[in-house]
Amino acid sequence: MTATKTSFAHGQLKSLVERIERLEEEKKTIAGDIKEVYAEAKANGFDTKILRKVISLRKKEASEREEEQSMLDVYMAALGMIPGEAEEAA
């Protein structure tokens, strides 16, 4: 009975490892595809740094984006990085 359980566990482990390996390979392929799209965007005159930021922002809920922007505005104002705001804070 123990040999059967060990054999089953071995087979299951091997199956899991092979699935993970296939998925890792697919992940590499997808990462390469994404890199190519960014290269295409750059070749067409788009700023890839800003494009990555837009992609990041689209993943967030509107309320999360608004809160983040609000905090960014507060920090920037406190550092005098927003014209007109530095005089008001002083």
PDB file of N, CA and C in Angstrom:
ATOM      1  N   MET A   1       0.826  -1.193   0.000  1.00  0.00           N
ATOM      2  CA  MET A   1       0.000   0.000   0.000  1.00  0.00           C
ATOM      3  C   MET A   1       0.867   1.252   0.000  1.00  0.00           C
ATOM      4  N   THR A   2       1.952   1.253   0.787  1.00  0.00           N
ATOM      5  CA  THR A   2       2.843   2.406   0.852  1.00  0.00           C
ATOM      6  C   THR A   2       3.515   2.645  -0.495  1.00  0.00           C
ATOM      7  N   ALA A   3       3.885   1.562  -1.165  1.00  0.00           N
ATOM      8  CA  ALA A   3       4.522   1.689  -2.479  1.00  0.00           C
ATOM      9  C   ALA A   3       3.557   2.339  -3.472  1.00  0.00           C
ATOM     10  N   THR A   4       2.286   2.009  -3.385  1.00  0.00           N
ATOM     11  CA  THR A   4       1.290   2.596  -4.277  1.00  0.00           C
ATOM     12  C   THR A   4       1.163   4.088  -4.019  1.00  0.00           C
ATOM     13  N   LYS A   5       1.118   4.484  -2.736  1.00  0.00           N
ATOM     14  CA  LYS A   5       1.025   5.906  -2.387  1.00  0.00           C
ATOM     15  C   LYS A   5       2.268   6.657  -2.843  1.00  0.00           C
ATOM     16  N   THR A   6       3.425   6.051  -2.652  1.00  0.00           N
ATOM     17  CA  THR A   6       4.676   6.682  -3.053  1.00  0.00           C
ATOM     18  C   THR A   6       4.726   6.835  -4.564  1.00  0.00           C
ATOM     19  N   SER A   7       4.292   5.809  -5.278  1.00  0.00           N
ATOM     20  CA  SER A   7       4.270   5.846  -6.734  1.00  0.00           C
ATOM     21  C   SER A   7       3.318   6.941  -7.220  1.00  0.00           C
ATOM     22  N   PHE A   8       2.142   7.021  -6.579  1.00  0.00           N
ATOM     23  CA  PHE A   8       1.162   8.041  -6.945  1.00  0.00           C
ATOM     24  C   PHE A   8       1.725   9.441  -6.681  1.00  0.00           C
ATOM     25  N   ALA A   9       2.332   9.636  -5.513  1.00  0.00           N
ATOM     26  CA  ALA A   9       2.911  10.926  -5.151  1.00  0.00           C
ATOM     27  C   ALA A   9       4.023  11.303  -6.126  1.00  0.00           C
ATOM     28  N   HIS A  10       4.830  10.326  -6.512  1.00  0.00           N
ATOM     29  CA  HIS A  10       5.910  10.568  -7.469  1.00  0.00           C
ATOM     30  C   HIS A  10       5.327  11.024  -8.804  1.00  0.00           C
ATOM     31  N   GLY A  11       4.313  10.318  -9.269  1.00  0.00           N
ATOM     32  CA  GLY A  11       3.677  10.669 -10.538  1.00  0.00           C
ATOM     33  C   GLY A  11       3.021  12.038 -10.476  1.00  0.00           C
ATOM     34  N   GLN A  12       2.373  12.322  -9.365  1.00  0.00           N
ATOM     35  CA  GLN A  12       1.704  13.615  -9.201  1.00  0.00           C
ATOM     36  C   GLN A  12       2.743  14.744  -9.165  1.00  0.00           C
ATOM     37  N   LEU A  13       3.827  14.515  -8.425  1.00  0.00           N
ATOM     38  CA  LEU A  13       4.889  15.511  -8.336  1.00  0.00           C
ATOM     39  C   LEU A  13       5.492  15.784  -9.705  1.00  0.00           C
ATOM     40  N   LYS A  14       5.765  14.718 -10.450  1.00  0.00           N
ATOM     41  CA  LYS A  14       6.341  14.868 -11.779  1.00  0.00           C
ATOM     42  C   LYS A  14       5.405  15.654 -12.686  1.00  0.00           C
ATOM     43  N   SER A  15       4.119  15.362 -12.604  1.00  0.00           N
ATOM     44  CA  SER A  15       3.124  16.069 -13.403  1.00  0.00           C
ATOM     45  C   SER A  15       3.088  17.555 -13.054  1.00  0.00           C
ATOM     46  N   LEU A  16       3.128  17.871 -11.773  1.00  0.00           N
ATOM     47  CA  LEU A  16       3.109  19.266 -11.336  1.00  0.00           C
ATOM     48  C   LEU A  16       4.348  20.015 -11.832  1.00  0.00           C
ATOM     49  N   VAL A  17       5.496  19.384 -11.690  1.00  0.00           N
ATOM     50  CA  VAL A  17       6.741  20.007 -12.135  1.00  0.00           C
ATOM     51  C   VAL A  17       6.711  20.257 -13.636  1.00  0.00           C
ATOM     52  N   GLU A  18       6.245  19.301 -14.400  1.00  0.00           N
ATOM     53  CA  GLU A  18       6.181  19.465 -15.860  1.00  0.00           C
ATOM     54  C   GLU A  18       5.206  20.581 -16.250  1.00  0.00           C
ATOM     55  N   ARG A  19       4.078  20.679 -15.558  1.00  0.00           N
ATOM     56  CA  ARG A  19       3.121  21.759 -15.827  1.00  0.00           C
ATOM     57  C   ARG A  19       3.737  23.115 -15.539  1.00  0.00           C
ATOM     58  N   ILE A  20       4.433  23.212 -14.403  1.00  0.00           N
ATOM     59  CA  ILE A  20       5.082  24.477 -14.044  1.00  0.00           C
ATOM     60  C   ILE A  20       6.129  24.844 -15.088  1.00  0.00           C
ATOM     61  N   GLU A  21       6.905  23.859 -15.527  1.00  0.00           N
ATOM     62  CA  GLU A  21       7.925  24.122 -16.543  1.00  0.00           C
ATOM     63  C   GLU A  21       7.292  24.630 -17.842  1.00  0.00           C
ATOM     64  N   ARG A  22       6.184  24.035 -18.255  1.00  0.00           N
ATOM     65  CA  ARG A  22       5.499  24.485 -19.474  1.00  0.00           C
ATOM     66  C   ARG A  22       4.998  25.920 -19.303  1.00  0.00           C
ATOM     67  N   LEU A  23       4.409  26.207 -18.142  1.00  0.00           N
ATOM     68  CA  LEU A  23       3.900  27.551 -17.886  1.00  0.00           C
ATOM     69  C   LEU A  23       5.027  28.578 -17.840  1.00  0.00           C
ATOM     70  N   GLU A  24       6.158  28.215 -17.252  1.00  0.00           N
ATOM     71  CA  GLU A  24       7.318  29.115 -17.223  1.00  0.00           C
ATOM     72  C   GLU A  24       7.783  29.417 -18.649  1.00  0.00           C
ATOM     73  N   GLU A  25       7.771  28.419 -19.504  1.00  0.00           N
ATOM     74  CA  GLU A  25       8.163  28.615 -20.897  1.00  0.00           C
ATOM     75  C   GLU A  25       7.173  29.537 -21.607  1.00  0.00           C
ATOM     76  N   GLU A  26       5.882  29.339 -21.344  1.00  0.00           N
ATOM     77  CA  GLU A  26       4.862  30.214 -21.925  1.00  0.00           C
ATOM     78  C   GLU A  26       5.034  31.642 -21.424  1.00  0.00           C
ATOM     79  N   LYS A  27       5.384  31.787 -20.148  1.00  0.00           N
ATOM     80  CA  LYS A  27       5.592  33.105 -19.559  1.00  0.00           C
ATOM     81  C   LYS A  27       6.742  33.826 -20.273  1.00  0.00           C
ATOM     82  N   LYS A  28       7.814  33.099 -20.584  1.00  0.00           N
ATOM     83  CA  LYS A  28       8.941  33.690 -21.314  1.00  0.00           C
ATOM     84  C   LYS A  28       8.493  34.165 -22.695  1.00  0.00           C
ATOM     85  N   THR A  29       7.695  33.341 -23.356  1.00  0.00           N
ATOM     86  CA  THR A  29       7.204  33.685 -24.685  1.00  0.00           C
ATOM     87  C   THR A  29       6.332  34.935 -24.623  1.00  0.00           C
ATOM     88  N   ILE A  30       5.438  34.986 -23.644  1.00  0.00           N
ATOM     89  CA  ILE A  30       4.551  36.137 -23.491  1.00  0.00           C
ATOM     90  C   ILE A  30       5.357  37.389 -23.154  1.00  0.00           C
ATOM     91  N   ALA A  31       6.353  37.265 -22.282  1.00  0.00           N
ATOM     92  CA  ALA A  31       7.201  38.408 -21.938  1.00  0.00           C
ATOM     93  C   ALA A  31       7.910  38.934 -23.186  1.00  0.00           C
ATOM     94  N   GLY A  32       8.352  38.026 -24.033  1.00  0.00           N
ATOM     95  CA  GLY A  32       8.989  38.423 -25.287  1.00  0.00           C
ATOM     96  C   GLY A  32       8.015  39.138 -26.200  1.00  0.00           C
ATOM     97  N   ASP A  33       6.782  38.644 -26.249  1.00  0.00           N
ATOM     98  CA  ASP A  33       5.744  39.284 -27.068  1.00  0.00           C
ATOM     99  C   ASP A  33       5.449  40.698 -26.565  1.00  0.00           C
ATOM    100  N   ILE A  34       5.369  40.856 -25.253  1.00  0.00           N
ATOM    101  CA  ILE A  34       5.110  42.178 -24.670  1.00  0.00           C
ATOM    102  C   ILE A  34       6.249  43.134 -25.002  1.00  0.00           C
ATOM    103  N   LYS A  35       7.476  42.636 -24.908  1.00  0.00           N
ATOM    104  CA  LYS A  35       8.650  43.451 -25.230  1.00  0.00           C
ATOM    105  C   LYS A  35       8.578  43.929 -26.684  1.00  0.00           C
ATOM    106  N   GLU A  36       8.141  43.056 -27.567  1.00  0.00           N
ATOM    107  CA  GLU A  36       8.015  43.416 -28.986  1.00  0.00           C
ATOM    108  C   GLU A  36       6.962  44.499 -29.182  1.00  0.00           C
ATOM    109  N   VAL A  37       5.856  44.430 -28.449  1.00  0.00           N
ATOM    110  CA  VAL A  37       4.804  45.446 -28.571  1.00  0.00           C
ATOM    111  C   VAL A  37       5.317  46.799 -28.080  1.00  0.00           C
ATOM    112  N   TYR A  38       6.070  46.800 -26.977  1.00  0.00           N
ATOM    113  CA  TYR A  38       6.652  48.047 -26.492  1.00  0.00           C
ATOM    114  C   TYR A  38       7.646  48.610 -27.515  1.00  0.00           C
ATOM    115  N   ALA A  39       8.418  47.747 -28.157  1.00  0.00           N
ATOM    116  CA  ALA A  39       9.361  48.194 -29.187  1.00  0.00           C
ATOM    117  C   ALA A  39       8.600  48.798 -30.369  1.00  0.00           C
ATOM    118  N   GLU A  40       7.488  48.192 -30.724  1.00  0.00           N
ATOM    119  CA  GLU A  40       6.647  48.720 -31.802  1.00  0.00           C
ATOM    120  C   GLU A  40       6.092  50.093 -31.419  1.00  0.00           C
ATOM    121  N   ALA A  41       5.637  50.215 -30.174  1.00  0.00           N
ATOM    122  CA  ALA A  41       5.110  51.494 -29.701  1.00  0.00           C
ATOM    123  C   ALA A  41       6.191  52.566 -29.767  1.00  0.00           C
ATOM    124  N   LYS A  42       7.403  52.210 -29.337  1.00  0.00           N
ATOM    125  CA  LYS A  42       8.519  53.161 -29.360  1.00  0.00           C
ATOM    126  C   LYS A  42       8.847  53.563 -30.793  1.00  0.00           C
ATOM    127  N   ALA A  43       8.843  52.592 -31.694  1.00  0.00           N
ATOM    128  CA  ALA A  43       9.133  52.869 -33.099  1.00  0.00           C
ATOM    129  C   ALA A  43       8.083  53.798 -33.714  1.00  0.00           C
ATOM    130  N   ASN A  44       6.879  53.781 -33.163  1.00  0.00           N
ATOM    131  CA  ASN A  44       5.800  54.641 -33.660  1.00  0.00           C
ATOM    132  C   ASN A  44       5.734  55.971 -32.912  1.00  0.00           C
ATOM    133  N   GLY A  45       6.745  56.241 -32.085  1.00  0.00           N
ATOM    134  CA  GLY A  45       6.846  57.538 -31.444  1.00  0.00           C
ATOM    135  C   GLY A  45       6.220  57.657 -30.068  1.00  0.00           C
ATOM    136  N   PHE A  46       5.760  56.555 -29.498  1.00  0.00           N
ATOM    137  CA  PHE A  46       5.164  56.613 -28.171  1.00  0.00           C
ATOM    138  C   PHE A  46       6.245  56.499 -27.105  1.00  0.00           C
ATOM    139  N   ASP A  47       6.031  57.172 -25.984  1.00  0.00           N
ATOM    140  CA  ASP A  47       6.940  57.120 -24.849  1.00  0.00           C
ATOM    141  C   ASP A  47       6.599  55.856 -24.057  1.00  0.00           C
ATOM    142  N   THR A  48       7.494  54.885 -24.073  1.00  0.00           N
ATOM    143  CA  THR A  48       7.186  53.596 -23.433  1.00  0.00           C
ATOM    144  C   THR A  48       7.124  53.689 -21.920  1.00  0.00           C
ATOM    145  N   LYS A  49       7.864  54.627 -21.341  1.00  0.00           N
ATOM    146  CA  LYS A  49       7.803  54.814 -19.891  1.00  0.00           C
ATOM    147  C   LYS A  49       6.393  55.265 -19.484  1.00  0.00           C
ATOM    148  N   ILE A  50       5.852  56.206 -20.231  1.00  0.00           N
ATOM    149  CA  ILE A  50       4.491  56.688 -19.957  1.00  0.00           C
ATOM    150  C   ILE A  50       3.479  55.599 -20.279  1.00  0.00           C
ATOM    151  N   LEU A  51       3.708  54.863 -21.335  1.00  0.00           N
ATOM    152  CA  LEU A  51       2.806  53.768 -21.701  1.00  0.00           C
ATOM    153  C   LEU A  51       2.742  52.719 -20.595  1.00  0.00           C
ATOM    154  N   ARG A  52       3.883  52.392 -20.004  1.00  0.00           N
ATOM    155  CA  ARG A  52       3.908  51.441 -18.888  1.00  0.00           C
ATOM    156  C   ARG A  52       3.132  51.984 -17.690  1.00  0.00           C
ATOM    157  N   LYS A  53       3.254  53.295 -17.454  1.00  0.00           N
ATOM    158  CA  LYS A  53       2.520  53.925 -16.351  1.00  0.00           C
ATOM    159  C   LYS A  53       1.012  53.850 -16.605  1.00  0.00           C
ATOM    160  N   VAL A  54       0.600  54.101 -17.842  1.00  0.00           N
ATOM    161  CA  VAL A  54      -0.818  54.023 -18.200  1.00  0.00           C
ATOM    162  C   VAL A  54      -1.337  52.599 -17.984  1.00  0.00           C
ATOM    163  N   ILE A  55      -0.560  51.615 -18.400  1.00  0.00           N
ATOM    164  CA  ILE A  55      -0.950  50.212 -18.202  1.00  0.00           C
ATOM    165  C   ILE A  55      -1.113  49.932 -16.710  1.00  0.00           C
ATOM    166  N   SER A  56      -0.172  50.418 -15.910  1.00  0.00           N
ATOM    167  CA  SER A  56      -0.227  50.227 -14.463  1.00  0.00           C
ATOM    168  C   SER A  56      -1.474  50.874 -13.865  1.00  0.00           C
ATOM    169  N   LEU A  57      -1.774  52.093 -14.312  1.00  0.00           N
ATOM    170  CA  LEU A  57      -2.938  52.809 -13.785  1.00  0.00           C
ATOM    171  C   LEU A  57      -4.249  52.135 -14.176  1.00  0.00           C
ATOM    172  N   ARG A  58      -4.304  51.567 -15.371  1.00  0.00           N
ATOM    173  CA  ARG A  58      -5.539  50.910 -15.829  1.00  0.00           C
ATOM    174  C   ARG A  58      -5.866  49.656 -15.015  1.00  0.00           C
ATOM    175  N   LYS A  59      -4.865  49.101 -14.350  1.00  0.00           N
ATOM    176  CA  LYS A  59      -5.082  47.913 -13.522  1.00  0.00           C
ATOM    177  C   LYS A  59      -5.758  48.260 -12.201  1.00  0.00           C
ATOM    178  N   LYS A  60      -5.738  49.548 -11.841  1.00  0.00           N
ATOM    179  CA  LYS A  60      -6.267  49.985 -10.551  1.00  0.00           C
ATOM    180  C   LYS A  60      -7.707  50.474 -10.679  1.00  0.00           C
ATOM    181  N   GLU A  61      -8.423  50.397  -9.588  1.00  0.00           N
ATOM    182  CA  GLU A  61      -9.770  50.949  -9.523  1.00  0.00           C
ATOM    183  C   GLU A  61      -9.662  52.473  -9.564  1.00  0.00           C
ATOM    184  N   ALA A  62     -10.718  53.138 -10.034  1.00  0.00           N
ATOM    185  CA  ALA A  62     -10.725  54.595 -10.123  1.00  0.00           C
ATOM    186  C   ALA A  62     -10.471  55.234  -8.761  1.00  0.00           C
ATOM    187  N   SER A  63     -11.077  54.706  -7.721  1.00  0.00           N
ATOM    188  CA  SER A  63     -10.897  55.279  -6.383  1.00  0.00           C
ATOM    189  C   SER A  63      -9.444  55.165  -5.919  1.00  0.00           C
ATOM    190  N   GLU A  64      -8.803  54.065  -6.255  1.00  0.00           N
ATOM    191  CA  GLU A  64      -7.395  53.877  -5.882  1.00  0.00           C
ATOM    192  C   GLU A  64      -6.508  54.868  -6.632  1.00  0.00           C
ATOM    193  N   ARG A  65      -6.812  55.074  -7.926  1.00  0.00           N
ATOM    194  CA  ARG A  65      -6.046  56.040  -8.716  1.00  0.00           C
ATOM    195  C   ARG A  65      -6.225  57.451  -8.164  1.00  0.00           C
ATOM    196  N   GLU A  66      -7.460  57.800  -7.811  1.00  0.00           N
ATOM    197  CA  GLU A  66      -7.745  59.134  -7.275  1.00  0.00           C
ATOM    198  C   GLU A  66      -7.022  59.360  -5.953  1.00  0.00           C
ATOM    199  N   GLU A  67      -7.046  58.352  -5.084  1.00  0.00           N
ATOM    200  CA  GLU A  67      -6.360  58.473  -3.793  1.00  0.00           C
ATOM    201  C   GLU A  67      -4.856  58.643  -3.999  1.00  0.00           C
ATOM    202  N   GLU A  68      -4.300  57.858  -4.904  1.00  0.00           N
ATOM    203  CA  GLU A  68      -2.871  57.943  -5.193  1.00  0.00           C
ATOM    204  C   GLU A  68      -2.515  59.322  -5.744  1.00  0.00           C
ATOM    205  N   GLN A  69      -3.338  59.833  -6.662  1.00  0.00           N
ATOM    206  CA  GLN A  69      -3.082  61.147  -7.249  1.00  0.00           C
ATOM    207  C   GLN A  69      -3.201  62.248  -6.198  1.00  0.00           C
ATOM    208  N   SER A  70      -4.172  62.108  -5.313  1.00  0.00           N
ATOM    209  CA  SER A  70      -4.364  63.086  -4.245  1.00  0.00           C
ATOM    210  C   SER A  70      -3.144  63.136  -3.329  1.00  0.00           C
ATOM    211  N   MET A  71      -2.649  61.973  -2.939  1.00  0.00           N
ATOM    212  CA  MET A  71      -1.464  61.917  -2.081  1.00  0.00           C
ATOM    213  C   MET A  71      -0.241  62.468  -2.808  1.00  0.00           C
ATOM    214  N   LEU A  72      -0.120  62.172  -4.084  1.00  0.00           N
ATOM    215  CA  LEU A  72       0.992  62.694  -4.877  1.00  0.00           C
ATOM    216  C   LEU A  72       0.935  64.218  -4.916  1.00  0.00           C
ATOM    217  N   ASP A  73      -0.262  64.776  -5.119  1.00  0.00           N
ATOM    218  CA  ASP A  73      -0.431  66.229  -5.140  1.00  0.00           C
ATOM    219  C   ASP A  73      -0.028  66.852  -3.801  1.00  0.00           C
ATOM    220  N   VAL A  74      -0.436  66.226  -2.685  1.00  0.00           N
ATOM    221  CA  VAL A  74      -0.088  66.730  -1.358  1.00  0.00           C
ATOM    222  C   VAL A  74       1.431  66.749  -1.179  1.00  0.00           C
ATOM    223  N   TYR A  75       2.084  65.663  -1.537  1.00  0.00           N
ATOM    224  CA  TYR A  75       3.540  65.574  -1.379  1.00  0.00           C
ATOM    225  C   TYR A  75       4.245  66.596  -2.269  1.00  0.00           C
ATOM    226  N   MET A  76       3.797  66.697  -3.512  1.00  0.00           N
ATOM    227  CA  MET A  76       4.435  67.628  -4.443  1.00  0.00           C
ATOM    228  C   MET A  76       4.239  69.073  -3.977  1.00  0.00           C
ATOM    229  N   ALA A  77       3.062  69.398  -3.479  1.00  0.00           N
ATOM    230  CA  ALA A  77       2.800  70.751  -2.972  1.00  0.00           C
ATOM    231  C   ALA A  77       3.696  71.047  -1.774  1.00  0.00           C
ATOM    232  N   ALA A  78       3.833  70.069  -0.895  1.00  0.00           N
ATOM    233  CA  ALA A  78       4.671  70.256   0.291  1.00  0.00           C
ATOM    234  C   ALA A  78       6.132  70.484  -0.086  1.00  0.00           C
ATOM    235  N   LEU A  79       6.551  69.943  -1.196  1.00  0.00           N
ATOM    236  CA  LEU A  79       7.932  70.098  -1.657  1.00  0.00           C
ATOM    237  C   LEU A  79       8.107  71.281  -2.610  1.00  0.00           C
ATOM    238  N   GLY A  80       7.022  72.038  -2.825  1.00  0.00           N
ATOM    239  CA  GLY A  80       7.093  73.192  -3.710  1.00  0.00           C
ATOM    240  C   GLY A  80       7.217  72.838  -5.168  1.00  0.00           C
ATOM    241  N   MET A  81       6.716  71.702  -5.544  1.00  0.00           N
ATOM    242  CA  MET A  81       6.839  71.235  -6.928  1.00  0.00           C
ATOM    243  C   MET A  81       5.646  71.616  -7.792  1.00  0.00           C
ATOM    244  N   ILE A  82       4.634  72.234  -7.191  1.00  0.00           N
ATOM    245  CA  ILE A  82       3.448  72.658  -7.941  1.00  0.00           C
ATOM    246  C   ILE A  82       3.455  74.185  -7.947  1.00  0.00           C
ATOM    247  N   PRO A  83       3.568  74.823  -9.108  1.00  0.00           N
ATOM    248  CA  PRO A  83       3.619  76.285  -9.186  1.00  0.00           C
ATOM    249  C   PRO A  83       2.404  76.912  -8.483  1.00  0.00           C
ATOM    250  N   GLY A  84       2.676  77.940  -7.675  1.00  0.00           N
ATOM    251  CA  GLY A  84       1.612  78.624  -6.965  1.00  0.00           C
ATOM    252  C   GLY A  84       1.293  78.012  -5.634  1.00  0.00           C
ATOM    253  N   GLU A  85       1.557  76.735  -5.455  1.00  0.00           N
ATOM    254  CA  GLU A  85       1.253  76.045  -4.222  1.00  0.00           C
ATOM    255  C   GLU A  85       2.314  76.309  -3.156  1.00  0.00           C
ATOM    256  N   ALA A  86       3.559  76.510  -3.579  1.00  0.00           N
ATOM    257  CA  ALA A  86       4.652  76.680  -2.628  1.00  0.00           C
ATOM    258  C   ALA A  86       4.463  77.957  -1.812  1.00  0.00           C
ATOM    259  N   GLU A  87       4.003  79.040  -2.457  1.00  0.00           N
ATOM    260  CA  GLU A  87       3.805  80.288  -1.749  1.00  0.00           C
ATOM    261  C   GLU A  87       2.688  80.164  -0.716  1.00  0.00           C
ATOM    262  N   GLU A  88       1.626  79.428  -1.087  1.00  0.00           N
ATOM    263  CA  GLU A  88       0.489  79.254  -0.183  1.00  0.00           C
ATOM    264  C   GLU A  88       0.867  78.437   1.034  1.00  0.00           C
ATOM    265  N   ALA A  89       1.737  77.421   0.859  1.00  0.00           N
ATOM    266  CA  ALA A  89       2.126  76.546   1.964  1.00  0.00           C
ATOM    267  C   ALA A  89       3.087  77.246   2.917  1.00  0.00           C
ATOM    268  N   ALA A  90       3.821  78.255   2.437  1.00  0.00           N
ATOM    269  CA  ALA A  90       4.829  78.937   3.265  1.00  0.00           C
ATOM    270  C   ALA A  90       4.246  79.921   4.230  1.00  0.00           C
TER     271      ALA A  90
END
